[in-house]
């Protein structure tokens, strides 16, 4: 049977308010990746929206709703927006 220490720390516990530089560097790299991916997603949506004759924002919103399992919420929002537009048009 092997003895296993109850707690084995590879580094000292964090000091509140002091984030190590290596952690900041990792977060910055993750942020750059997220920005790059978001830009690529936006560019792809714009290209496809232009191709199919719809607004890029609508396509992005639809895809995000599908991915976030929030299609019902977006559908209700669209209905509410249409009702507001129709009400304004009737005035």
N, C-alpha and C. Protein backbone atom coordinates (compact mmCIF):
# COMPACT_ATOMS: atom_id res chain seq x y z
N UNK A 1 0.84 -1.18 0.00
CA UNK A 1 0.00 0.00 0.00
C UNK A 1 0.89 1.25 0.00
N UNK A 2 0.52 2.21 -0.81
CA UNK A 2 1.32 3.43 -0.93
C UNK A 2 0.76 4.51 -0.03
N UNK A 3 1.67 5.17 0.65
CA UNK A 3 1.24 6.30 1.48
C UNK A 3 1.01 7.51 0.58
N UNK A 4 -0.16 8.14 0.72
CA UNK A 4 -0.50 9.31 -0.06
C UNK A 4 -0.71 10.47 0.89
N UNK A 5 0.03 11.55 0.69
CA UNK A 5 -0.20 12.71 1.58
C UNK A 5 -1.61 13.24 1.40
N UNK A 6 -2.17 13.74 2.48
CA UNK A 6 -3.55 14.25 2.45
C UNK A 6 -3.67 15.48 1.56
N UNK A 7 -2.67 16.34 1.60
CA UNK A 7 -2.70 17.49 0.70
C UNK A 7 -1.30 17.69 0.15
N UNK A 8 -1.23 17.76 -1.13
CA UNK A 8 0.04 17.92 -1.82
C UNK A 8 -0.08 19.14 -2.72
N UNK A 9 0.62 20.19 -2.37
CA UNK A 9 0.52 21.44 -3.12
C UNK A 9 1.78 21.62 -3.96
N UNK A 10 1.57 21.95 -5.22
CA UNK A 10 2.70 22.20 -6.11
C UNK A 10 3.18 23.64 -6.00
N UNK A 11 2.34 24.48 -5.51
CA UNK A 11 2.70 25.88 -5.33
C UNK A 11 2.03 26.39 -4.07
N UNK A 12 2.53 27.47 -3.53
CA UNK A 12 1.93 27.98 -2.30
C UNK A 12 0.51 28.48 -2.55
N UNK A 13 -0.30 28.55 -1.51
CA UNK A 13 -1.67 29.04 -1.70
C UNK A 13 -1.65 30.49 -2.21
N UNK A 14 -2.68 30.86 -2.96
CA UNK A 14 -2.70 32.21 -3.52
C UNK A 14 -2.82 33.29 -2.43
N UNK A 15 -2.23 34.43 -2.75
CA UNK A 15 -2.35 35.59 -1.88
C UNK A 15 -3.49 36.43 -2.42
N UNK A 16 -4.51 36.70 -1.61
CA UNK A 16 -5.64 37.51 -2.09
C UNK A 16 -5.17 38.85 -2.67
N UNK A 17 -5.71 39.16 -3.85
CA UNK A 17 -5.38 40.43 -4.49
C UNK A 17 -4.12 40.41 -5.33
N UNK A 18 -3.41 39.30 -5.35
CA UNK A 18 -2.16 39.22 -6.13
C UNK A 18 -2.25 38.05 -7.10
N UNK A 19 -2.48 38.36 -8.37
CA UNK A 19 -2.58 37.33 -9.40
C UNK A 19 -1.20 37.18 -10.04
N UNK A 20 -0.68 35.95 -10.04
CA UNK A 20 0.65 35.75 -10.63
C UNK A 20 0.69 36.15 -12.11
N UNK A 21 1.85 36.62 -12.52
CA UNK A 21 2.04 37.08 -13.90
C UNK A 21 1.75 35.97 -14.90
N UNK A 22 2.11 34.73 -14.60
CA UNK A 22 1.86 33.62 -15.52
C UNK A 22 0.36 33.41 -15.72
N UNK A 23 -0.42 33.64 -14.68
CA UNK A 23 -1.88 33.52 -14.80
C UNK A 23 -2.42 34.63 -15.68
N UNK A 24 -1.92 35.84 -15.49
CA UNK A 24 -2.31 36.98 -16.33
C UNK A 24 -1.96 36.69 -17.79
N UNK A 25 -0.77 36.15 -18.03
CA UNK A 25 -0.35 35.82 -19.40
C UNK A 25 -1.27 34.78 -20.03
N UNK A 26 -1.66 33.76 -19.27
CA UNK A 26 -2.58 32.74 -19.79
C UNK A 26 -3.94 33.34 -20.10
N UNK A 27 -4.42 34.21 -19.24
CA UNK A 27 -5.71 34.86 -19.46
C UNK A 27 -5.67 35.78 -20.68
N UNK A 28 -4.57 36.48 -20.86
CA UNK A 28 -4.42 37.34 -22.02
C UNK A 28 -4.44 36.52 -23.31
N UNK A 29 -3.76 35.38 -23.30
CA UNK A 29 -3.75 34.52 -24.48
C UNK A 29 -5.15 33.99 -24.77
N UNK A 30 -5.87 33.60 -23.73
CA UNK A 30 -7.24 33.12 -23.90
C UNK A 30 -8.14 34.24 -24.44
N UNK A 31 -7.93 35.44 -23.97
CA UNK A 31 -8.71 36.59 -24.43
C UNK A 31 -8.44 36.86 -25.91
N UNK A 32 -7.17 36.82 -26.30
CA UNK A 32 -6.83 37.03 -27.73
C UNK A 32 -7.49 35.97 -28.59
N UNK A 33 -7.46 34.73 -28.13
CA UNK A 33 -8.09 33.64 -28.89
C UNK A 33 -9.59 33.88 -29.02
N UNK A 34 -10.21 34.29 -27.92
CA UNK A 34 -11.65 34.54 -27.94
C UNK A 34 -11.99 35.67 -28.91
N UNK A 35 -11.20 36.72 -28.89
CA UNK A 35 -11.43 37.86 -29.80
C UNK A 35 -11.27 37.41 -31.24
N UNK A 36 -10.22 36.63 -31.52
CA UNK A 36 -9.99 36.14 -32.89
C UNK A 36 -11.13 35.25 -33.35
N UNK A 37 -11.58 34.34 -32.49
CA UNK A 37 -12.69 33.45 -32.85
C UNK A 37 -13.99 34.23 -33.03
N UNK A 38 -14.22 35.22 -32.19
CA UNK A 38 -15.43 36.04 -32.32
C UNK A 38 -15.41 36.80 -33.64
N UNK A 39 -14.25 37.31 -34.01
CA UNK A 39 -14.12 38.03 -35.28
C UNK A 39 -14.37 37.08 -36.46
N UNK A 40 -13.82 35.89 -36.39
CA UNK A 40 -14.02 34.91 -37.46
C UNK A 40 -15.50 34.52 -37.56
N UNK A 41 -16.17 34.34 -36.41
CA UNK A 41 -17.60 34.02 -36.40
C UNK A 41 -18.41 35.16 -37.03
N UNK A 42 -18.08 36.39 -36.64
CA UNK A 42 -18.77 37.55 -37.21
C UNK A 42 -18.57 37.66 -38.71
N UNK A 43 -17.35 37.44 -39.16
CA UNK A 43 -17.05 37.51 -40.59
C UNK A 43 -17.81 36.42 -41.36
N UNK A 44 -17.84 35.21 -40.79
CA UNK A 44 -18.55 34.10 -41.44
C UNK A 44 -20.05 34.39 -41.51
N UNK A 45 -20.60 34.91 -40.42
CA UNK A 45 -22.04 35.24 -40.42
C UNK A 45 -22.34 36.33 -41.45
N UNK A 46 -21.47 37.33 -41.53
CA UNK A 46 -21.71 38.41 -42.49
C UNK A 46 -21.68 37.87 -43.91
N UNK A 47 -20.69 37.03 -44.21
CA UNK A 47 -20.59 36.48 -45.56
C UNK A 47 -21.82 35.64 -45.92
N UNK A 48 -22.27 34.80 -44.99
CA UNK A 48 -23.43 33.96 -45.27
C UNK A 48 -24.72 34.78 -45.31
N UNK A 49 -24.82 35.78 -44.46
CA UNK A 49 -26.01 36.64 -44.46
C UNK A 49 -26.10 37.40 -45.79
N UNK A 50 -24.98 37.91 -46.25
CA UNK A 50 -24.96 38.61 -47.54
C UNK A 50 -25.37 37.65 -48.67
N UNK A 51 -24.87 36.44 -48.60
CA UNK A 51 -25.16 35.43 -49.62
C UNK A 51 -26.65 35.11 -49.68
N UNK A 52 -27.30 35.05 -48.49
CA UNK A 52 -28.71 34.65 -48.43
C UNK A 52 -29.67 35.82 -48.25
N UNK A 53 -29.15 37.04 -48.29
CA UNK A 53 -29.99 38.22 -48.27
C UNK A 53 -30.71 38.49 -46.95
N UNK A 54 -30.02 38.24 -45.84
CA UNK A 54 -30.59 38.56 -44.53
C UNK A 54 -29.60 39.42 -43.75
N UNK A 55 -30.05 40.00 -42.67
CA UNK A 55 -29.19 40.83 -41.84
C UNK A 55 -28.20 39.96 -41.06
N UNK A 56 -26.92 40.34 -41.06
CA UNK A 56 -25.92 39.56 -40.32
C UNK A 56 -26.25 39.42 -38.83
N UNK A 57 -26.76 40.48 -38.23
CA UNK A 57 -27.09 40.43 -36.81
C UNK A 57 -28.17 39.41 -36.51
N UNK A 58 -29.12 39.28 -37.42
CA UNK A 58 -30.19 38.30 -37.24
C UNK A 58 -29.63 36.88 -37.30
N UNK A 59 -28.73 36.65 -38.24
CA UNK A 59 -28.14 35.32 -38.37
C UNK A 59 -27.30 34.98 -37.14
N UNK A 60 -26.50 35.95 -36.68
CA UNK A 60 -25.69 35.72 -35.48
C UNK A 60 -26.57 35.42 -34.27
N UNK A 61 -27.63 36.20 -34.12
CA UNK A 61 -28.54 36.01 -32.99
C UNK A 61 -29.19 34.63 -33.04
N UNK A 62 -29.59 34.20 -34.22
CA UNK A 62 -30.22 32.90 -34.40
C UNK A 62 -29.25 31.77 -34.04
N UNK A 63 -28.03 31.84 -34.55
CA UNK A 63 -27.04 30.79 -34.28
C UNK A 63 -26.71 30.76 -32.79
N UNK A 64 -26.55 31.93 -32.17
CA UNK A 64 -26.27 31.97 -30.73
C UNK A 64 -27.43 31.41 -29.93
N UNK A 65 -28.64 31.68 -30.36
CA UNK A 65 -29.82 31.14 -29.67
C UNK A 65 -29.84 29.61 -29.79
N UNK A 66 -29.53 29.10 -30.97
CA UNK A 66 -29.47 27.65 -31.15
C UNK A 66 -28.41 27.04 -30.24
N UNK A 67 -27.24 27.64 -30.23
CA UNK A 67 -26.13 27.11 -29.42
C UNK A 67 -26.40 27.22 -27.92
N UNK A 68 -27.10 28.26 -27.51
CA UNK A 68 -27.39 28.47 -26.10
C UNK A 68 -28.69 27.84 -25.66
N UNK A 69 -29.34 27.10 -26.55
CA UNK A 69 -30.64 26.49 -26.28
C UNK A 69 -31.63 27.54 -25.78
N UNK A 70 -31.65 28.68 -26.46
CA UNK A 70 -32.51 29.80 -26.07
C UNK A 70 -33.39 30.25 -27.22
N UNK A 71 -33.71 29.34 -28.12
CA UNK A 71 -34.50 29.70 -29.29
C UNK A 71 -35.89 30.21 -28.89
N UNK A 72 -36.51 29.62 -27.88
CA UNK A 72 -37.84 30.07 -27.44
C UNK A 72 -37.79 31.51 -26.93
N UNK A 73 -36.74 31.85 -26.21
CA UNK A 73 -36.59 33.22 -25.70
C UNK A 73 -36.42 34.22 -26.84
N UNK A 74 -35.61 33.86 -27.81
CA UNK A 74 -35.37 34.74 -28.95
C UNK A 74 -36.64 34.87 -29.79
N UNK A 75 -37.38 33.77 -29.92
CA UNK A 75 -38.64 33.80 -30.64
C UNK A 75 -39.62 34.76 -29.97
N UNK A 76 -39.72 34.70 -28.65
CA UNK A 76 -40.62 35.60 -27.93
C UNK A 76 -40.17 37.05 -28.07
N UNK A 77 -38.88 37.27 -28.01
CA UNK A 77 -38.33 38.62 -28.18
C UNK A 77 -38.67 39.15 -29.57
N UNK A 78 -38.55 38.30 -30.60
CA UNK A 78 -38.87 38.72 -31.96
C UNK A 78 -40.35 39.06 -32.09
N UNK A 79 -41.20 38.26 -31.47
CA UNK A 79 -42.64 38.56 -31.49
C UNK A 79 -42.94 39.88 -30.81
N UNK A 80 -42.31 40.12 -29.67
CA UNK A 80 -42.51 41.38 -28.94
C UNK A 80 -42.03 42.57 -29.78
N UNK A 81 -40.88 42.42 -30.40
CA UNK A 81 -40.35 43.49 -31.24
C UNK A 81 -41.27 43.77 -32.42
N UNK A 82 -41.77 42.72 -33.06
CA UNK A 82 -42.70 42.90 -34.17
C UNK A 82 -43.98 43.60 -33.72
N UNK A 83 -44.49 43.24 -32.56
CA UNK A 83 -45.69 43.89 -32.02
C UNK A 83 -45.45 45.37 -31.79
N UNK A 84 -44.28 45.70 -31.25
CA UNK A 84 -43.96 47.12 -31.03
C UNK A 84 -43.85 47.87 -32.35
N UNK A 85 -43.23 47.26 -33.33
CA UNK A 85 -43.08 47.90 -34.65
C UNK A 85 -44.45 48.08 -35.29
N UNK A 86 -45.28 47.05 -35.23
CA UNK A 86 -46.63 47.15 -35.82
C UNK A 86 -47.46 48.21 -35.12
N UNK A 87 -47.35 48.30 -33.81
CA UNK A 87 -48.08 49.32 -33.06
C UNK A 87 -47.66 50.72 -33.51
N UNK A 88 -46.37 50.91 -33.68
CA UNK A 88 -45.85 52.22 -34.10
C UNK A 88 -46.31 52.54 -35.52
N UNK A 89 -46.33 51.53 -36.39
CA UNK A 89 -46.76 51.74 -37.78
C UNK A 89 -48.23 52.10 -37.86
N UNK A 90 -49.03 51.60 -36.91
CA UNK A 90 -50.47 51.86 -36.92
C UNK A 90 -50.81 53.27 -36.45
N UNK A 91 -49.87 53.92 -35.80
CA UNK A 91 -50.14 55.28 -35.26
C UNK A 91 -50.16 56.32 -36.34
